[in-house]
Protein backbone atom coordinates (compact mmCIF):
# COMPACT_ATOMS: atom_id res chain seq x y z
CA MET A 1 114.65 170.74 166.57
CA LEU A 2 117.45 168.21 166.48
CA TYR A 3 114.93 165.40 166.96
CA PHE A 4 112.85 166.64 164.05
CA THR A 5 115.92 166.77 161.78
CA GLU A 6 116.99 163.23 162.71
CA SER A 7 113.48 161.94 162.12
CA PHE A 8 113.30 163.67 158.76
CA MET A 9 116.61 162.15 157.70
CA GLU A 10 115.53 158.68 158.75
CA ASN A 11 112.27 158.99 156.74
CA LYS A 12 114.19 160.20 153.72
CA GLN A 13 116.62 157.28 153.91
CA GLU A 14 113.72 154.85 154.26
CA GLU A 15 111.99 156.34 151.22
CA GLU A 16 115.19 156.13 149.19
CA GLN A 17 115.61 152.52 150.27
CA ASN A 18 112.02 151.73 149.28
CA VAL A 19 112.62 153.37 145.89
CA LYS A 20 115.75 151.26 145.39
CA ILE A 21 113.89 148.09 146.35
CA SER A 22 111.00 149.01 144.06
CA THR A 23 113.42 149.71 141.24
CA ILE A 24 115.22 146.40 141.77
CA VAL A 25 111.89 144.53 141.88
CA SER A 26 110.81 146.25 138.67
CA ILE A 27 114.08 145.39 136.94
CA VAL A 28 113.94 141.78 138.15
CA SER A 29 110.29 141.51 137.05
CA LEU A 30 111.15 142.97 133.65
CA VAL A 31 114.07 140.58 133.23
CA PHE A 32 111.84 137.68 134.29
CA ILE A 33 109.17 138.73 131.78
CA VAL A 34 111.78 139.05 129.04
CA ILE A 35 113.23 135.63 129.87
CA VAL A 36 109.81 133.96 130.00
CA GLY A 37 108.77 135.72 126.79
CA THR A 38 111.97 134.62 125.10
CA VAL A 39 111.45 131.04 126.26
CA ILE A 40 107.86 131.05 125.01
CA PHE A 41 108.99 132.59 121.71
CA LEU A 42 111.73 129.99 121.28
CA LEU A 43 109.37 127.14 122.14
CA ALA A 44 106.80 128.50 119.70
CA LYS A 45 109.49 128.64 117.02
CA GLY A 46 110.37 125.00 117.63
CA TYR A 47 113.44 125.40 119.82
CA ARG A 48 114.09 123.23 122.86
CA ILE A 49 116.03 124.34 125.95
CA ASN A 50 118.35 121.61 127.21
CA LEU A 51 119.27 122.52 130.82
CA GLU A 52 121.54 119.52 131.21
CA ASP A 53 123.73 120.47 128.24
CA LYS A 54 123.15 124.21 128.81
CA GLU A 55 122.16 124.85 125.19
CA ILE A 56 119.19 125.76 123.03
CA LYS A 57 118.42 123.23 120.31
CA LYS A 58 116.41 123.69 117.13
CA THR A 59 113.54 121.22 116.80
CA GLY A 60 110.83 120.01 114.46
CA VAL A 61 107.97 117.52 114.70
CA LEU A 62 107.75 113.91 113.52
CA ALA A 63 104.22 112.63 112.97
CA ILE A 64 103.94 108.87 112.38
CA SER A 65 100.77 107.07 111.36
CA THR A 66 101.02 103.30 111.70
CA GLU A 67 99.05 100.31 110.43
CA PRO A 68 98.21 98.57 112.74
CA THR A 69 97.72 101.52 115.09
CA THR A 70 98.97 99.47 118.07
CA SER A 71 102.48 99.17 116.58
CA THR A 72 105.44 100.19 118.75
CA VAL A 73 107.58 103.10 117.58
CA THR A 74 111.29 103.29 118.44
CA ILE A 75 113.17 106.54 117.74
CA ASP A 76 116.95 106.65 118.04
CA TYR A 77 116.78 103.26 119.78
CA LYS A 78 114.42 104.62 122.47
CA ASP A 79 110.99 103.02 122.87
CA ARG A 80 108.25 105.61 122.35
CA GLY A 81 105.33 103.20 122.76
CA THR A 82 102.32 103.29 120.45
CA LEU A 83 102.91 106.79 119.18
CA GLN A 84 99.55 108.28 118.21
CA ARG A 85 100.56 111.90 117.80
CA GLY A 86 103.47 114.06 116.71
CA ILE A 87 106.66 114.13 118.75
CA THR A 88 109.19 116.99 119.01
CA LEU A 89 112.73 116.03 117.98
CA ASP A 90 116.02 117.81 117.45
CA VAL A 91 116.72 119.01 113.93
CA GLY A 92 118.68 116.41 111.95
CA THR A 93 118.45 112.76 110.98
CA HIS A 94 116.84 110.19 113.29
CA THR A 95 116.54 106.42 113.05
CA VAL A 96 113.00 105.05 113.36
CA LYS A 97 111.75 101.50 113.77
CA VAL A 98 108.10 100.42 113.84
CA SER A 99 107.36 96.90 115.06
CA LYS A 100 104.59 94.59 116.21
CA GLU A 101 104.56 90.91 117.08
CA GLY A 102 103.63 88.83 114.04
CA TYR A 103 104.66 91.58 111.60
CA ARG A 104 107.88 92.45 109.82
CA ASP A 105 109.78 95.43 111.21
CA TRP A 106 109.78 98.75 109.36
CA ASN A 107 113.07 100.67 109.49
CA GLY A 108 113.77 104.15 108.20
CA THR A 109 115.55 107.44 108.68
CA GLU A 110 113.62 110.68 109.11
CA VAL A 111 115.03 114.15 108.50
CA ILE A 112 113.64 116.71 110.97
CA VAL A 113 113.55 120.30 109.71
CA GLU A 114 113.44 123.34 112.00
CA GLY A 115 109.89 124.35 112.87
CA LYS A 116 108.36 121.91 110.35
CA SER A 117 106.39 118.68 110.53
CA THR A 118 107.74 115.51 108.92
CA ILE A 119 104.92 113.06 108.18
CA GLU A 120 105.45 109.32 107.74
CA ASN A 121 102.77 106.71 107.01
CA VAL A 122 103.94 103.21 107.93
CA MET A 123 102.20 99.99 106.93
CA LEU A 124 103.52 96.77 108.46
CA ILE A 125 103.35 93.48 106.57
CA LEU A 126 102.48 90.16 108.24
CA GLU A 127 105.39 87.75 108.68
CA ASP A 128 103.32 84.91 107.22
CA ASN A 129 101.05 85.59 104.24
CA THR A 130 98.21 83.13 104.86
CA LEU A 131 96.79 81.70 101.62
CA THR A 132 93.05 81.19 101.14
CA ASN A 133 91.78 79.54 97.97
CA VAL A 134 88.80 81.47 96.56
CA TRP A 135 88.07 79.35 93.50
CA SER A 136 89.74 76.67 91.41
CA SER A 137 89.09 75.12 88.01
CA ASP A 138 90.45 72.06 86.19
CA LEU A 139 90.41 74.12 82.97
CA THR A 140 93.45 75.92 81.56
CA VAL A 141 93.46 79.68 81.41
CA GLN A 142 93.66 81.58 78.12
CA GLU A 143 93.47 85.13 79.48
CA VAL A 144 92.47 87.26 82.47
CA VAL A 145 91.28 90.80 81.65
CA ARG A 146 90.79 93.34 84.44
CA ASN A 147 88.90 96.64 83.98
CA LYS A 148 90.63 99.98 84.57
CA ASN A 149 88.48 100.84 87.60
CA ASN A 150 89.47 97.54 89.22
CA THR A 151 85.96 96.33 89.99
CA LEU A 152 85.90 93.06 88.04
CA ALA A 153 87.83 90.69 85.80
CA LEU A 154 86.79 88.41 82.95
CA ILE A 155 88.49 85.01 82.91
CA ILE A 156 88.70 83.01 79.67
CA LEU A 157 89.24 79.27 80.22
CA LYS A 158 89.48 76.35 77.80
CA ASP A 159 89.06 72.57 78.13
CA SER A 160 90.67 69.73 76.21
CA ASP A 161 87.79 69.74 73.72
CA LYS A 162 88.62 73.38 72.85
CA SER A 163 85.40 74.66 74.38
CA THR A 164 85.69 78.22 75.76
CA TYR A 165 84.27 79.40 79.09
CA VAL A 166 84.11 83.03 80.19
CA TYR A 167 83.68 83.81 83.90
CA LYS A 168 83.12 87.15 85.63
CA TYR A 169 84.84 87.75 88.95
CA LYS A 170 83.79 90.75 91.09
CA PHE A 171 86.46 92.18 93.37
CA THR A 172 83.90 93.64 95.79
CA THR A 173 80.78 91.77 96.87
CA TYR A 174 78.07 92.89 99.28
CA ILE A 175 76.50 91.06 102.20
CA TRP A 176 73.15 90.84 100.41
CA ASP A 177 74.74 89.58 97.16
CA PHE A 178 74.26 85.79 97.19
CA SER A 179 75.25 85.22 93.56
CA GLN A 180 78.18 83.01 92.74
CA ASN A 181 81.58 84.63 92.35
CA PRO A 182 82.98 83.98 89.83
CA THR A 183 79.90 83.67 87.60
CA LEU A 184 79.85 81.78 84.30
CA LEU A 185 78.83 84.20 81.53
CA LEU A 186 79.42 82.25 78.35
CA THR A 187 80.18 78.77 77.05
CA THR A 188 80.98 78.48 73.35
CA GLU A 189 82.81 76.37 70.79
CA GLU A 190 83.92 79.52 68.98
CA ASP A 191 87.24 81.29 69.39
CA ILE A 192 87.27 84.35 71.64
CA SER A 193 90.05 86.94 71.42
CA ASP A 194 90.87 90.67 71.67
CA LEU A 195 88.74 91.16 74.78
CA ASP A 196 88.70 94.84 75.77
CA LEU A 197 86.76 95.85 78.90
CA SER A 198 85.36 99.36 79.37
CA PRO A 199 86.84 101.24 82.39
CA ASN A 200 83.74 100.60 84.53
CA GLY A 201 83.43 96.98 83.39
CA ASN A 202 79.87 97.31 82.08
CA TRP A 203 80.81 96.81 78.43
CA ALA A 204 83.42 94.93 76.41
CA VAL A 205 84.56 94.65 72.83
CA VAL A 206 85.29 91.03 71.96
CA ASN A 207 86.24 89.18 68.79
CA ILE A 208 84.17 86.00 68.40
CA SER A 209 85.34 83.85 65.48
CA GLY A 210 86.60 86.86 63.57
CA ILE A 211 83.55 89.10 64.19
CA LYS A 212 83.87 92.15 66.46
CA ASN A 213 81.04 92.26 69.02
CA ILE A 214 79.83 94.62 71.73
CA TRP A 215 79.20 92.70 74.93
CA ASN A 216 76.87 94.13 77.58
CA ILE A 217 78.35 92.59 80.72
CA SER A 218 75.48 93.84 82.90
CA ASP A 219 72.80 91.72 81.20
CA ASN A 220 75.21 89.26 79.51
CA SER A 221 74.13 89.97 75.94
CA TYR A 222 76.18 90.80 72.87
CA PHE A 223 75.68 91.96 69.31
CA PRO A 224 77.93 92.53 66.26
CA LEU A 225 79.53 95.97 66.02
CA GLU A 226 78.12 97.11 62.67
CA ILE A 227 78.70 100.66 61.43
CA SER A 228 76.60 102.38 58.77
CA ASP A 229 78.31 102.71 55.36
CA THR A 230 77.49 106.44 55.31
CA SER A 231 80.65 107.09 57.30
CA ASN A 232 82.87 104.97 55.02
CA LEU A 233 84.04 103.28 58.21
CA THR A 234 85.25 99.83 57.18
CA SER A 235 88.66 99.62 58.87
CA TYR A 236 89.32 101.20 62.25
CA THR A 237 90.85 100.84 65.69
CA SER A 238 88.63 101.00 68.78
CA THR A 239 89.31 102.42 72.26
CA TRP A 240 86.91 102.83 75.16
CA ALA A 241 86.35 106.41 76.32
CA ASN A 242 87.22 106.99 79.97
CA ASN A 243 83.55 107.50 80.89
CA SER A 244 82.76 103.98 79.49
CA ASN A 245 79.67 105.22 77.60
CA TYR A 246 81.35 105.55 74.21
CA LEU A 247 83.73 103.63 72.01
CA ILE A 248 86.19 105.82 70.09
CA LEU A 249 86.76 104.59 66.53
CA GLU A 250 89.65 105.91 64.45
CA SER A 251 90.10 105.28 60.72
CA ASP A 252 91.94 106.89 57.82
CA ALA A 253 88.87 109.11 57.30
CA GLY A 254 88.46 110.48 60.82
CA ILE A 255 87.65 109.88 64.49
CA TYR A 256 84.16 108.88 65.62
CA SER A 257 82.37 108.06 68.87
CA TYR A 258 79.95 105.13 69.10
CA ASN A 259 77.33 104.77 71.82
CA PRO A 260 76.64 101.04 72.33
CA ALA A 261 73.47 101.74 74.33
CA ASN A 262 71.64 103.34 71.39
CA LYS A 263 74.00 102.18 68.58
CA MET A 264 74.52 105.78 67.46
CA LEU A 265 77.67 106.96 65.68
CA TYR A 266 78.92 110.56 65.96
CA THR A 267 81.61 112.27 63.90
CA LEU A 268 84.20 114.01 66.06
CA LEU A 269 86.90 114.89 63.52
CA GLN A 270 87.49 114.46 59.81
CA LYS A 271 91.05 113.95 58.54
CA ASN A 272 92.40 115.97 55.66
CA THR A 273 94.55 113.05 54.53
CA PRO A 274 94.67 109.39 55.61
CA THR A 275 98.16 109.95 57.05
CA ASP A 276 97.06 112.75 59.40
CA LYS A 277 98.28 112.05 62.93
CA ILE A 278 95.82 113.41 65.51
CA ILE A 279 96.82 113.50 69.20
CA TRP A 280 93.66 112.89 71.26
CA THR A 281 92.27 111.59 74.55
CA THR A 282 89.03 111.44 76.55
CA ASP A 283 88.07 112.19 80.16
CA GLY A 284 85.68 110.71 82.69
CA ASN A 285 83.06 113.42 82.16
CA GLY A 286 82.18 112.60 78.57
CA TYR A 287 84.56 114.87 76.62
CA PHE A 288 86.96 114.32 73.76
CA TYR A 289 90.19 116.36 73.53
CA TYR A 290 92.60 116.82 70.65
CA VAL A 291 95.72 118.83 69.91
CA GLU A 292 95.54 121.58 67.31
CA LYS A 293 98.83 123.09 66.16
CA ASN A 294 99.06 126.74 65.12
CA ASN A 295 102.54 127.73 63.91
CA LYS A 296 104.70 127.61 67.08
CA ALA A 297 101.85 127.04 69.50
CA TYR A 298 99.41 124.30 70.49
CA ASP A 299 95.77 124.49 71.56
CA ILE A 300 93.93 121.68 73.38
CA VAL A 301 90.39 121.56 72.01
CA GLN A 302 87.41 119.97 73.76
CA LEU A 303 84.30 118.35 72.26
CA PRO A 304 81.43 116.43 73.88
CA LEU A 305 81.51 112.79 72.88
CA ASN A 306 78.06 113.03 71.34
CA ALA A 307 79.17 116.08 69.29
CA THR A 308 76.02 118.00 70.25
CA THR A 309 77.72 121.32 71.03
CA PRO A 310 80.51 123.23 69.25
CA LYS A 311 84.13 122.67 70.13
CA LYS A 312 85.88 124.99 72.56
CA THR A 313 89.51 125.62 73.44
CA THR A 314 90.32 124.21 76.87
CA VAL A 315 94.04 124.98 76.96
CA ASN A 316 94.80 128.07 74.93
CA THR A 317 98.16 128.64 73.24
CA LEU A 318 100.86 126.42 74.66
CA PHE A 319 103.95 127.97 73.12
CA VAL A 320 106.74 125.56 72.24
CA GLN A 321 110.42 125.68 71.45
CA ASN A 322 112.78 122.98 70.22
CA ASP A 323 116.03 124.21 71.74
CA THR A 324 117.33 121.19 73.64
CA SER A 325 120.17 123.23 75.15
CA ILE A 326 117.61 124.96 77.39
CA ILE A 327 116.42 121.66 78.79
CA ASN A 328 119.88 120.12 79.18
CA LYS A 329 120.35 121.80 82.57
CA TYR A 330 117.37 119.81 83.87
CA ARG A 331 118.83 116.62 82.42
CA LYS A 332 122.19 117.03 84.18
CA SER A 333 120.62 116.48 87.58
CA ILE A 334 117.18 115.00 87.13
CA THR A 335 116.16 114.84 90.80
CA GLU A 336 117.76 118.01 92.14
CA ASN A 337 115.97 120.71 90.16
CA ASP A 338 113.90 123.47 91.70
CA TYR A 339 110.44 122.49 90.53
CA ASN A 340 108.06 125.38 90.00
CA TYR A 341 105.18 126.09 87.67
CA PHE A 342 106.04 127.81 84.40
CA ASP A 343 104.01 130.72 83.02
CA GLY A 344 105.52 130.69 79.53
CA SER A 345 106.93 134.20 79.92
CA THR A 346 110.49 133.18 78.99
CA ASP A 347 111.94 130.77 76.44
CA GLU A 348 113.10 128.51 79.26
CA SER A 349 109.54 128.10 80.56
CA LEU A 350 108.04 127.19 77.18
CA ILE A 351 107.05 123.60 76.46
CA ALA A 352 109.94 121.90 74.69
CA GLY A 353 109.37 119.63 71.70
CA ASN A 354 106.50 118.38 69.60
CA ILE A 355 103.49 116.90 71.43
CA LEU A 356 103.25 113.11 71.12
CA ASP A 357 100.52 112.31 73.63
CA ILE A 358 98.11 113.91 76.14
CA ASN A 359 96.13 112.45 79.02
CA VAL A 360 93.32 114.28 80.83
CA ASP A 361 92.27 113.26 84.33
CA ASN A 362 89.40 115.12 86.00
CA LYS A 363 90.31 114.11 89.54
CA ALA A 364 93.88 115.29 89.06
CA GLU A 365 92.39 118.52 87.63
CA GLY A 366 94.96 118.62 84.90
CA LEU A 367 96.48 116.95 81.89
CA SER A 368 99.84 115.40 81.18
CA ILE A 369 101.66 116.38 78.00
CA LYS A 370 104.35 114.14 76.52
CA THR A 371 106.61 115.60 73.84
CA ASP A 372 109.54 114.13 71.94
CA ILE A 373 111.84 116.02 74.36
CA ALA A 374 110.17 116.18 77.79
CA THR A 375 107.00 115.54 79.82
CA TYR A 376 104.78 118.14 81.51
CA PHE A 377 101.73 118.44 83.75
CA TYR A 378 99.29 121.27 82.97
CA ASP A 379 97.20 122.52 85.92
CA MET A 380 93.75 123.33 84.49
CA GLU A 381 92.84 125.63 87.38
CA ALA A 382 96.11 127.57 87.64
CA LYS A 383 96.50 127.52 83.83
CA LYS A 384 100.21 126.86 84.23
CA HIS A 385 102.42 123.88 83.52
CA ILE A 386 105.24 122.16 85.35
CA MET A 387 107.94 119.89 83.95
CA MET A 388 107.45 116.35 85.19
CA PHE A 389 110.50 114.83 83.51
CA PRO A 390 113.16 116.23 81.16
CA TYR A 391 112.72 113.26 78.80
CA PRO A 392 109.65 111.61 77.23
CA ALA A 393 107.86 109.62 79.98
CA GLU A 394 104.66 107.71 80.64
CA ILE A 395 102.32 108.28 83.57
CA LEU A 396 101.76 104.83 85.02
CA GLU A 397 99.19 105.80 87.65
CA TYR A 398 98.05 108.72 89.79
CA ALA A 399 98.01 108.25 93.56
CA MET A 400 94.64 108.11 95.29
CA ASN A 401 95.20 111.56 96.81
CA TRP A 402 95.64 113.00 93.27
CA LYS A 403 98.75 114.93 94.26
CA LYS A 404 101.44 112.71 92.75
CA ALA A 405 102.00 110.15 90.04
CA LEU A 406 104.15 107.18 89.16
CA ILE A 407 106.04 107.90 85.94
CA TYR A 408 108.37 105.78 83.82
CA SER A 409 110.91 106.86 81.23
CA GLU A 410 112.65 104.21 79.18
CA GLY A 411 116.36 104.22 79.88
CA HIS A 412 115.94 106.48 82.94
CA GLY A 413 113.82 104.51 85.40
CA THR A 414 110.66 104.83 87.50
CA TYR A 415 109.93 107.90 89.63
CA VAL A 416 107.37 109.52 91.90
CA PHE A 417 106.48 113.04 90.76
CA THR A 418 104.61 115.31 93.21
CA PHE A 419 102.71 118.02 91.37
CA ARG A 420 100.60 119.30 94.29
CA ARG A 421 101.75 119.98 97.83
CA ASN A 422 100.11 118.34 100.81
CA ASN A 423 99.23 121.21 103.17
CA SER A 424 99.80 119.02 106.23
CA ASP A 425 103.26 117.94 105.05
CA LEU A 426 105.55 120.95 104.74
CA ILE A 427 108.68 118.90 104.08
CA ASN A 428 107.85 117.18 100.80
CA SER A 429 107.77 119.76 98.04
CA LEU A 430 107.01 119.63 94.34
CA GLY A 431 109.30 117.54 92.25
CA LEU A 432 110.77 114.22 91.33
CA LYS A 433 112.20 111.37 93.36
CA ASN A 434 113.61 108.11 92.08
CA ILE A 435 112.20 104.76 93.29
CA SER A 436 115.15 102.59 94.33
CA ASP A 437 115.68 98.92 93.48
CA ILE A 438 112.83 98.70 90.97
CA ALA A 439 114.71 97.88 87.77
CA ASN A 440 112.84 95.57 85.36
CA ALA A 441 109.66 95.81 87.45
CA SER A 442 106.19 95.60 85.89
CA ASN A 443 102.57 96.04 86.98
CA ILE A 444 103.54 98.94 89.26
CA HIS A 445 100.61 100.34 91.24
CA TRP A 446 99.83 102.63 94.18
CA LEU A 447 98.20 101.25 97.28
CA SER A 448 95.06 103.09 98.35
CA ASN A 449 96.94 104.98 101.11
CA SER A 450 99.04 106.80 98.45
CA SER A 451 102.14 106.01 100.55
CA ASN A 452 103.12 102.55 99.31
CA ILE A 453 103.48 100.86 95.96
CA TYR A 454 103.39 97.22 94.87
CA TYR A 455 104.79 95.59 91.76
CA GLU A 456 106.12 92.46 90.09
CA GLN A 457 109.87 91.93 89.70
CA ASN A 458 111.64 88.74 88.58
CA ASN A 459 108.33 86.85 88.90
CA ASN A 460 107.95 87.92 92.56
CA ILE A 461 105.46 90.39 94.05
CA TYR A 462 106.73 93.13 96.39
CA ILE A 463 105.41 95.99 98.51
CA CYS A 464 107.61 98.95 99.43
CA ASP A 465 107.45 102.55 100.58
CA LYS A 466 106.74 105.06 97.82
CA TYR A 467 110.45 105.65 97.17
CA GLY A 468 111.47 101.99 97.29
CA ASP A 469 112.54 101.65 100.94
CA ASN A 470 111.40 98.76 103.18
CA LYS A 471 110.95 96.41 100.26
CA GLN A 472 108.96 93.34 101.33
CA LEU A 473 108.53 90.11 99.38
CA ILE A 474 104.89 89.03 99.64
CA LYS A 475 104.64 86.28 97.00
CA THR A 476 107.08 84.14 95.10
CA ASP A 477 106.96 81.18 92.62
CA GLY A 478 106.01 83.20 89.51
CA ASN A 479 102.69 81.46 88.87
CA GLN A 480 100.65 84.68 88.85
CA ILE A 481 98.81 85.80 85.71
CA ASP A 482 97.46 88.97 87.28
CA PHE A 483 97.13 90.39 90.80
CA THR A 484 95.76 93.33 92.78
CA ILE A 485 95.60 94.58 96.37
CA ASN A 486 92.21 95.68 97.72
CA ASN A 487 91.40 99.17 98.99
CA SER A 488 91.60 98.10 102.64
CA ARG A 489 95.20 96.98 101.92
CA ASP A 490 94.86 93.72 103.81
CA THR A 491 94.61 91.22 100.94
CA LEU A 492 96.61 90.38 97.83
CA LEU A 493 94.31 88.75 95.24
CA VAL A 494 96.13 86.60 92.70
CA PHE A 495 94.94 84.86 89.54
CA GLU A 496 97.43 82.04 89.02
CA THR A 497 98.24 78.82 87.22
CA GLN A 498 99.03 75.84 89.38
CA LYS A 499 101.87 73.37 88.72
CA ASP A 500 99.45 70.91 87.09
CA GLY A 501 98.26 73.60 84.66
CA THR A 502 94.90 74.24 86.34
CA PHE A 503 93.64 77.71 87.26
CA SER A 504 92.90 79.18 90.68
CA ILE A 505 92.06 82.45 92.41
CA ASN A 506 93.85 82.85 95.75
CA LYS A 507 93.93 85.42 98.50
CA TYR A 508 97.03 86.19 100.57
CA LYS A 509 96.50 88.05 103.84
CA ILE A 510 99.23 90.69 104.12
CA LYS A 511 98.07 93.02 106.92
């Protein structure tokens, strides 16, 4: 009996011990799972566990795209090699250098935000910009006219006998195109002036000895621009429509569109009085737009350029107010405002001022509106507007990604305005940012990567990052008449006058 009792007690103690062990194992397992889960959660949220410093650090990602792709990336003075993908970094500011033998270094600072990706596109410039002469002439240059789409230029040259020569230079040629470039289009003893190329370069308006002509560049033929007397159109200004198929003529009587292909004239608008000021523009799809004021509101009205269908209201009822005190808060700190789209529901979100100019761009899917007080961008799809600048400003050029624009306001400087977010870049938000060290610059343009700009300043040509950093001098001497950088971003093409007065077209390799 005693044996049985002792055996029972031993079994009971063993069971209790097993229960304790099982409980401890369960607790340890649970703690382990919690710890692992917490670690995974923290890592997923962008935190980094530093065992050496015994702390948890907040992190974000830096993604750098480099041209050339074999460039070396150095972050916080540590060589990261040819970085081809994003790298996790502690939250805060980091120094970055991108370098490659034969190229100029790129230096910058990147701000890493918790759980976000900072994207930087870096283009290195060659140390030596090798010059290649494309074409030279002993003649003196009168004018170089480039089309808006940047596909060709017309070059007007003169000799000592006052003869005039017009050449066509194509910026892009194909392997199977064996024609000369530039090509001589015209030789004449007559004076040529007021040359205006259509955006696509297929047509031009040109004054030849006092007579306005339409020049078909494609087949190199021209004819006088003669308008039927039925429209009483004797004195007018002419502007090419953005689709290049029509010439817009404005006189004291009205606004008309002229199709040079069939020599047809269409009436778009009649003026009530010769002094009527009509705000209008065209787009690339063959439409004419004008501003119609109704009491305290504006409508943007659309018409086809051939006036074959009735007008329709594209932007309906843009309410306006002229209280400058409302807009003064934006003027106090131009670059630090919280930029959001307005819906017009409050006085503060109404368009301020009287409309002076509009500009429709189909690829940007919106229109810019310049008033005598401020400048706005109207999103055609969202049917809302956003303030681009709290003063009157000009849009110099949209970036190739159609999400931002270069704008200039006299007395206030040149800026980049982002009106659409890039889904892959969560750091850069809507709004305005000043371009540094660009005072007195001209011919400011985006590069095709939408991340760099180039311009002329003090007779020199520069490339820099979109906000003015990493400014690089790529041509000096001030002999350039006009210049452009090709879409592959490897060549600067310059039309220039040499020291002896002759004309040449030169290429400078920059990448």
